[in-house]
Protein backbone atom coordinates (compact mmCIF):
# COMPACT_ATOMS: atom_id res chain seq x y z
CA MET A 1 94.28 68.41 93.56
CA THR A 2 93.65 71.87 95.07
CA GLN A 3 90.01 72.87 95.33
CA ILE A 4 89.09 76.34 94.10
CA ILE A 5 86.92 78.18 96.62
CA LYS A 6 84.66 80.89 95.25
CA PRO A 7 83.40 83.64 97.56
CA GLU A 8 79.72 83.40 98.42
CA LYS A 9 79.06 87.12 97.92
CA LYS A 10 79.93 88.94 94.74
CA THR A 11 82.52 91.67 95.24
CA PRO A 12 80.97 95.05 94.42
CA GLU A 13 82.26 96.68 91.28
CA VAL A 14 82.45 100.35 90.37
CA ALA A 15 79.46 99.87 88.05
CA ASP A 16 77.36 98.54 90.94
CA ILE A 17 78.14 101.59 93.07
CA PHE A 18 77.54 103.89 90.10
CA HIS A 19 74.10 102.43 89.35
CA GLN A 20 73.14 102.56 93.01
CA HIS A 21 73.98 106.26 93.44
CA ILE A 22 73.53 107.87 90.01
CA ALA A 23 70.09 109.27 90.87
CA ASP A 24 71.51 111.13 93.88
CA TYR A 25 74.38 112.45 91.77
CA LYS A 26 72.06 113.65 89.00
CA ALA A 27 69.86 115.40 91.57
CA LYS A 28 72.82 117.39 92.86
CA TYR A 29 74.93 117.96 89.72
CA PRO A 30 73.88 118.61 86.12
CA LEU A 31 75.16 116.11 83.56
CA TRP A 32 76.93 117.34 80.47
CA PRO A 33 75.54 116.19 77.11
CA GLU A 34 78.51 113.83 76.70
CA HIS A 35 77.71 112.22 80.05
CA ARG A 36 74.02 111.79 79.24
CA LYS A 37 75.01 109.52 76.34
CA ILE A 38 76.42 106.92 78.73
CA VAL A 39 74.38 107.42 81.92
CA PRO A 40 70.98 105.73 82.10
């Protein structure tokens, strides 16, 4: 039977990058009211 090999490191997702850089984005650009509903 073939063994399934899982990667040791998790592949970054868009959400990971978003959460890591949202503070920098908010410091440079104002968020619209619609965006504030979904951005922490």
